[in-house]
Protein backbone atom coordinates (compact mmCIF):
# COMPACT_ATOMS: atom_id res chain seq x y z
CA MET A 1 0.00 0.00 0.00
CA GLY A 2 2.88 2.35 0.54
CA ALA A 3 4.85 3.81 3.37
CA LEU A 4 2.97 5.53 6.15
CA LEU A 5 3.91 9.18 6.39
CA ASP A 6 4.19 10.69 9.85
CA SER A 7 3.15 14.25 10.47
CA GLY A 8 6.64 15.29 11.57
CA GLN A 9 8.43 14.10 8.45
CA PRO A 10 8.74 16.12 5.24
CA LEU A 11 6.61 15.03 2.33
CA PRO A 12 8.30 13.29 -0.61
CA GLN A 13 8.92 15.34 -3.70
CA PRO A 14 6.13 13.83 -5.89
CA PHE A 15 3.56 14.73 -3.24
CA CYS A 16 4.91 18.27 -2.77
CA SER A 17 4.99 18.89 -6.48
CA GLN A 18 1.37 17.76 -6.98
CA PRO A 19 -0.69 20.65 -8.41
CA SER A 20 -3.18 22.07 -5.91
CA LEU A 21 -6.87 21.50 -6.54
CA PRO A 22 -9.80 23.60 -5.31
CA GLY A 23 -11.17 22.14 -2.07
CA LEU A 24 -8.68 19.23 -1.86
CA PRO A 25 -5.59 20.67 -0.12
CA PRO A 26 -7.34 21.50 3.19
CA LEU A 27 -8.69 17.94 3.43
CA PHE A 28 -5.40 16.33 2.50
CA SER A 29 -3.38 18.56 4.83
CA PHE A 30 -5.78 17.92 7.71
CA PHE A 31 -5.79 14.17 7.04
CA HIS A 32 -2.02 14.04 6.80
CA GLY A 33 -1.29 16.31 9.72
CA ARG A 34 -3.44 14.44 12.23
CA PHE A 35 -3.60 10.82 11.13
CA GLY A 36 -1.03 10.09 8.42
CA VAL A 37 -1.94 8.75 4.99
CA TYR A 38 -0.80 6.04 2.65
CA VAL A 39 0.88 7.57 -0.38
CA PRO A 40 -0.89 5.47 -3.06
CA LEU A 41 -4.28 6.56 -1.69
CA CYS A 42 -3.56 10.29 -1.94
CA CYS A 43 -0.98 10.72 -4.68
CA PHE A 44 -1.71 8.53 -7.68
CA HIS A 45 -1.37 10.83 -10.60
CA GLN A 46 0.82 13.73 -11.56
CA ASP A 47 0.29 15.38 -14.91
CA SER A 48 3.78 16.31 -16.13
CA ARG A 49 2.44 17.43 -19.50
CA ALA A 50 0.72 20.55 -18.13
CA GLN A 51 1.85 23.62 -20.07
CA PRO A 52 1.86 27.22 -18.75
CA LEU A 53 -0.90 29.42 -20.09
CA PRO A 54 -0.10 32.51 -22.18
CA SER A 55 -0.14 35.82 -20.33
CA ASP A 56 -2.89 37.25 -22.52
CA CYS A 57 -5.36 34.46 -21.71
CA GLY A 58 -6.16 35.46 -18.14
CA TYR A 59 -9.91 35.05 -18.62
CA LEU A 60 -9.39 31.32 -19.27
CA VAL A 61 -7.48 30.63 -16.07
CA GLN A 62 -10.52 29.94 -13.89
CA ASP A 63 -12.13 27.55 -16.39
CA GLN A 64 -8.80 25.83 -16.98
CA VAL A 65 -8.23 25.33 -13.25
CA ALA A 66 -11.74 23.90 -12.85
CA ASP A 67 -11.19 21.49 -15.75
CA ASP A 68 -7.82 20.45 -14.36
CA GLY A 69 -9.39 19.87 -10.95
CA ALA A 70 -12.16 17.67 -12.36
CA SER A 71 -9.72 15.65 -14.48
CA ALA A 72 -7.36 15.23 -11.55
CA ILE A 73 -10.17 14.00 -9.29
CA SER A 74 -11.33 11.49 -11.90
CA SER A 75 -7.74 10.34 -12.32
CA LEU A 76 -7.41 9.86 -8.54
CA VAL A 77 -10.56 7.75 -8.44
CA LYS A 78 -9.50 5.70 -11.45
CA ASP A 79 -6.04 5.03 -10.02
CA PHE A 80 -7.51 4.14 -6.64
CA PHE A 81 -9.80 1.48 -8.11
CA SER A 82 -7.01 0.13 -10.32
CA LEU A 83 -4.75 -0.20 -7.28
CA LEU A 84 -7.53 -1.89 -5.30
CA TRP A 85 -8.20 -4.32 -8.16
CA GLU A 86 -4.51 -5.21 -8.48
CA SER A 87 -4.27 -5.80 -4.74
CA LEU A 88 -7.32 -8.08 -4.68
CA ARG A 89 -6.14 -10.01 -7.73
CA GLU A 90 -2.71 -10.52 -6.18
CA GLN A 91 -4.24 -11.81 -2.94
CA PHE A 92 -6.53 -14.29 -4.70
CA ASN A 93 -3.98 -15.47 -7.28
CA ASN A 94 -1.06 -15.71 -4.82
CA PRO A 95 -2.44 -17.19 -1.58
CA THR A 96 -0.26 -17.42 1.50
CA SER A 97 1.96 -20.47 1.21
CA ILE A 98 1.71 -23.13 3.93
CA PRO A 99 4.88 -24.81 5.20
CA THR A 100 5.27 -28.54 4.71
CA HIS A 101 5.62 -31.24 7.34
CA SER A 102 8.13 -33.98 6.50
CA CYS A 103 7.78 -36.12 9.69
CA PRO A 104 11.50 -36.00 10.52
CA LEU A 105 13.00 -38.81 12.58
CA SER A 106 15.88 -36.85 14.07
CA PRO A 107 15.17 -34.93 17.31
CA ASP A 108 17.23 -31.98 16.09
CA LEU A 109 15.21 -31.78 12.88
CA ILE A 110 11.96 -31.93 14.85
CA ARG A 111 13.02 -29.07 17.13
CA ASN A 112 14.21 -27.02 14.16
CA GLU A 113 10.89 -27.57 12.42
CA VAL A 114 9.04 -26.44 15.54
CA GLU A 115 11.12 -23.28 15.70
CA CYS A 116 10.31 -22.48 12.08
CA LEU A 117 6.60 -23.12 12.65
CA LYS A 118 6.62 -20.95 15.77
CA ALA A 119 8.14 -18.06 13.83
CA ASP A 120 5.64 -18.52 10.99
CA PHE A 121 2.69 -18.71 13.40
CA ASN A 122 3.80 -15.56 15.24
CA ARG A 123 4.15 -13.74 11.92
CA ARG A 124 0.62 -14.72 10.91
CA ILE A 125 -0.81 -13.63 14.26
CA LYS A 126 0.94 -10.26 13.98
CA GLU A 127 -0.48 -9.85 10.47
CA VAL A 128 -3.98 -10.66 11.74
CA LEU A 129 -3.73 -8.17 14.61
CA PHE A 130 -2.31 -5.38 12.47
CA ASN A 131 -4.79 -5.78 9.60
CA SER A 132 -7.79 -6.09 11.93
CA LEU A 133 -6.81 -2.94 13.84
CA PHE A 134 -6.06 -1.21 10.55
CA SER A 135 -9.53 -2.07 9.23
CA ALA A 136 -11.26 -0.96 12.42
CA TYR A 137 -9.31 2.31 12.38
CA TYR A 138 -10.27 3.27 8.84
CA VAL A 139 -13.81 1.85 8.88
CA ALA A 140 -15.14 2.78 12.31
CA PHE A 141 -12.80 5.30 13.98
CA LEU A 142 -11.55 7.62 11.27
CA PRO A 143 -15.00 8.76 10.03
CA LEU A 144 -15.75 10.06 13.53
CA CYS A 145 -12.75 12.38 13.38
CA PHE A 146 -14.27 14.27 10.43
CA VAL A 147 -17.59 14.92 12.17
CA LYS A 148 -18.16 18.63 12.71
CA SER A 149 -18.53 19.98 16.21
CA THR A 150 -22.08 21.07 15.40
CA GLN A 151 -23.13 17.51 14.56
CA TYR A 152 -24.14 14.86 17.09
CA TYR A 153 -23.42 11.15 17.06
CA ASP A 154 -24.01 8.38 19.60
CA MET A 155 -20.69 7.76 21.33
CA ARG A 156 -21.75 4.46 22.90
CA TRP A 157 -22.99 3.08 19.60
CA SER A 158 -19.85 4.26 17.82
CA CYS A 159 -17.58 2.53 20.34
CA GLU A 160 -19.67 -0.63 20.11
CA HIS A 161 -19.50 -0.52 16.31
CA LEU A 162 -15.71 -0.08 16.47
CA ILE A 163 -15.31 -3.13 18.70
CA MET A 164 -17.62 -5.24 16.52
CA VAL A 165 -15.71 -4.32 13.37
CA TRP A 166 -12.40 -5.21 15.00
CA ILE A 167 -13.62 -8.59 16.29
CA ASN A 168 -15.20 -9.50 12.94
CA ALA A 169 -12.07 -8.55 11.03
CA PHE A 170 -9.95 -10.51 13.51
CA VAL A 171 -12.01 -13.70 13.13
CA MET A 172 -12.22 -13.47 9.32
CA LEU A 173 -8.48 -12.85 8.95
CA THR A 174 -7.71 -15.68 11.37
CA THR A 175 -9.81 -18.13 9.37
CA GLN A 176 -8.02 -17.03 6.22
CA LEU A 177 -4.43 -17.12 7.53
CA LEU A 178 -4.90 -20.15 9.82
CA PRO A 179 -6.84 -22.63 7.66
CA PRO A 180 -7.56 -26.21 8.84
CA LYS A 181 -4.64 -27.55 6.82
CA TYR A 182 -2.25 -25.24 8.61
CA CYS A 183 -3.71 -26.15 12.03
CA ASP A 184 -3.29 -29.85 11.19
CA LEU A 185 0.35 -29.15 10.33
CA LEU A 186 0.89 -27.52 13.73
CA HIS A 187 -0.88 -30.45 15.42
CA ARG A 188 1.37 -33.03 13.77
CA SER A 189 4.48 -31.09 14.70
CA ALA A 190 3.30 -30.77 18.31
CA ALA A 191 2.64 -34.52 18.44
CA HIS A 192 6.25 -35.15 17.39
CA LEU A 193 7.59 -32.56 19.84
CA GLY A 194 5.94 -33.84 23.02
CA LYS A 195 5.91 -32.32 26.48
CA TRP A 196 7.57 -32.78 29.85
CA GLN A 197 5.85 -32.47 33.23
CA LYS A 198 8.01 -31.21 36.08
CA LEU A 199 7.77 -33.33 39.23
CA GLU A 200 8.48 -32.47 42.83
CA HIS A 201 11.63 -33.63 44.56
CA GLY A 202 11.23 -36.98 46.28
CA SER A 203 8.46 -38.28 44.03
CA TYR A 204 9.05 -41.46 42.04
CA SER A 205 12.21 -42.11 44.02
CA ASN A 206 11.99 -45.87 43.43
CA ALA A 207 11.23 -45.61 39.68
CA PRO A 208 14.06 -45.84 37.15
CA GLN A 209 15.34 -42.45 36.05
CA HIS A 210 17.47 -41.41 33.06
CA ILE A 211 19.66 -38.50 32.15
CA TRP A 212 18.00 -36.43 29.45
CA SER A 213 19.75 -36.49 26.07
CA GLU A 214 18.94 -34.24 23.13
CA ASN A 215 19.55 -37.04 20.64
CA THR A 216 16.95 -39.44 22.09
CA ILE A 217 13.24 -39.76 21.34
CA TRP A 218 11.72 -40.50 24.74
CA PRO A 219 8.53 -42.60 25.03
CA GLN A 220 5.53 -41.67 27.13
CA GLY A 221 5.83 -42.06 30.90
CA VAL A 222 9.63 -42.18 31.14
CA LEU A 223 11.38 -40.19 33.89
CA VAL A 224 14.44 -38.08 33.09
CA ARG A 225 16.64 -35.67 35.00
CA ARG A 226 17.99 -32.40 33.68
CA SER A 227 19.57 -29.54 35.66
CA ARG A 228 18.76 -31.24 38.99
CA CYS A 229 15.06 -31.41 38.12
CA LEU A 230 12.90 -34.45 37.50
CA TYR A 231 10.55 -34.56 34.49
CA LYS A 232 7.97 -37.02 33.21
CA ALA A 233 7.23 -37.53 29.52
CA VAL A 234 3.63 -36.64 28.68
CA GLY A 235 3.36 -36.97 24.89
CA PRO A 236 3.61 -40.17 22.86
CA TYR A 237 6.94 -38.94 21.50
CA ASN A 238 9.08 -36.46 23.43
CA VAL A 239 12.03 -34.56 22.00
CA ALA A 240 11.29 -31.16 23.56
CA VAL A 241 13.72 -29.48 25.91
CA PRO A 242 12.29 -30.02 29.42
CA SER A 243 13.12 -26.51 30.67
CA ASP A 244 12.00 -24.70 27.47
CA VAL A 245 8.74 -22.87 28.17
CA SER A 246 8.11 -22.16 24.46
CA HIS A 247 8.07 -25.89 23.68
CA ALA A 248 5.52 -26.51 26.44
CA ARG A 249 3.39 -23.62 25.17
CA PHE A 250 3.55 -24.91 21.59
CA TYR A 251 2.42 -28.38 22.70
CA PHE A 252 -0.40 -26.94 24.83
CA LEU A 253 -1.80 -24.88 21.96
CA PHE A 254 -1.59 -27.42 19.16
CA HIS A 255 -1.58 -30.95 20.58
CA ARG A 256 -5.38 -30.84 20.24
CA PRO A 257 -6.09 -30.08 16.57
CA LEU A 258 -9.51 -28.46 17.17
CA ARG A 259 -8.49 -26.06 19.95
CA LEU A 260 -8.09 -22.99 17.73
CA LEU A 261 -11.21 -23.81 15.74
CA ASN A 262 -13.29 -24.17 18.91
CA LEU A 263 -11.97 -20.84 20.17
CA LEU A 264 -12.93 -19.07 16.94
CA ILE A 265 -16.40 -20.65 17.01
CA LEU A 266 -16.87 -19.47 20.60
CA ILE A 267 -15.85 -15.91 19.73
CA GLU A 268 -17.93 -15.75 16.56
CA GLY A 269 -20.96 -17.33 18.19
CA SER A 270 -20.81 -14.84 21.06
CA VAL A 271 -20.56 -11.94 18.62
CA VAL A 272 -23.53 -13.19 16.59
CA CYS A 273 -25.69 -13.62 19.71
CA TYR A 274 -24.82 -10.16 20.95
CA GLN A 275 -25.52 -8.62 17.56
CA LEU A 276 -28.90 -10.35 17.39
CA TYR A 277 -29.71 -8.92 20.80
CA SER A 278 -28.59 -5.47 19.68
CA LEU A 279 -30.63 -5.80 16.51
CA LEU A 280 -33.77 -6.60 18.48
CA ARG A 281 -33.42 -3.65 20.83
CA SER A 282 -32.28 -1.10 18.23
CA GLU A 283 -34.75 1.71 17.51
CA LYS A 284 -32.92 3.81 14.91
CA TRP A 285 -32.90 2.78 11.27
CA ASN A 286 -29.17 3.36 10.78
CA HIS A 287 -28.36 1.08 13.74
CA THR A 288 -30.62 -1.63 12.35
CA LEU A 289 -29.16 -1.37 8.87
CA SER A 290 -25.51 -1.45 9.95
CA MET A 291 -26.09 -4.33 12.36
CA ALA A 292 -27.99 -6.34 9.75
CA LEU A 293 -25.21 -5.93 7.19
CA ILE A 294 -22.56 -7.07 9.66
CA LEU A 295 -24.74 -10.02 10.67
CA PHE A 296 -24.92 -11.27 7.08
CA CYS A 297 -21.12 -11.45 6.99
CA ASN A 298 -20.97 -13.14 10.38
CA TYR A 299 -23.50 -15.76 9.34
CA TYR A 300 -21.22 -16.92 6.54
CA VAL A 301 -18.13 -16.95 8.77
CA LEU A 302 -19.97 -18.91 11.49
CA PHE A 303 -21.32 -21.37 8.91
CA LYS A 304 -17.83 -21.96 7.54
CA LEU A 305 -16.37 -22.48 11.02
CA LEU A 306 -19.13 -24.91 12.03
CA ARG A 307 -18.77 -26.83 8.78
CA ASP A 308 -15.02 -27.24 9.31
CA ARG A 309 -15.59 -28.20 12.95
CA ILE A 310 -18.07 -30.97 12.08
CA VAL A 311 -15.95 -32.41 9.26
CA LEU A 312 -12.65 -32.26 11.15
CA GLY A 313 -14.25 -33.55 14.35
CA ARG A 314 -15.41 -36.68 12.56
CA ALA A 315 -12.08 -37.05 10.76
CA TYR A 316 -9.99 -36.84 13.93
CA SER A 317 -12.34 -39.07 15.94
CA TYR A 318 -12.22 -41.87 13.35
CA PRO A 319 -9.43 -44.40 14.11
CA LEU A 320 -6.57 -44.34 11.65
CA ASN A 321 -6.21 -48.12 11.81
CA ASN A 322 -9.45 -48.53 9.88
CA TYR A 323 -7.69 -46.96 6.90
CA GLY A 324 -4.64 -49.11 7.34
CA LEU A 325 -2.58 -46.08 8.34
CA LYS A 326 -0.17 -45.50 11.18
CA ALA A 327 -0.43 -42.52 13.46
CA HIS A 328 2.43 -40.09 13.10
């Protein structure tokens, strides 16, 4: 989209050299000075072919400026929609790539794969948070800043609308960037990683204990010692570092493949119920219209989440041995 310009930084030369248009500079200067703008949204077109008018044609200056202003505005709108179309086409034609899971047999390779997946998951979560806040800022917050002081708007309804837009954008972006295939990949990696449970001193004193080694795949229930602490293997396969909190957190989040999906269904279902309640008690036509439009979008998102939950729930509950497969 372009670099975000702060109000304290000088404008780039193409923006400063843009010819002024009647009525546009106060809006652009106000928008830039208080909030910052993206360059492609405000500076698309610069007519370098404009020629100076002769000195004896002063009566044509006003008409010429009006024509230039109208052509420049139409050019801005045209370039805006072309940029939006290119962005949408790029997103649909080039979807976000999903890493692959190779089921490595080496403990070092498993831990390295987990580290790569952790970094990729954190990047996707940051993208979801940024884009959802970005959408809520431009859709629900920024229009309120242009309301004149003589006009009245419902502050409580505006804050509620801002929160609803942010939650809806968050859930929709999460379903797009964390699809079921990606969640299954994280689940398989967590199953290979395993988890260690720290035990108190003196417990299992009569049970056989081993010294933890990073080159060993430990089975479930085995006791190991590392750094004067006793740990018990929890997962079916355990190659995680016993004292690494990030490994324990990764296993907690993804060892159940439907955990994220259930969380999204809970959030989306709560939002839909609250919006239905707000729709029933709304008295103004603009509140009813805006809530109904958001509900139509939420119905589709909730339907898609429930469909994936039913299909994946049956798939994960069905024994793999009936297919002649071995569990990874």
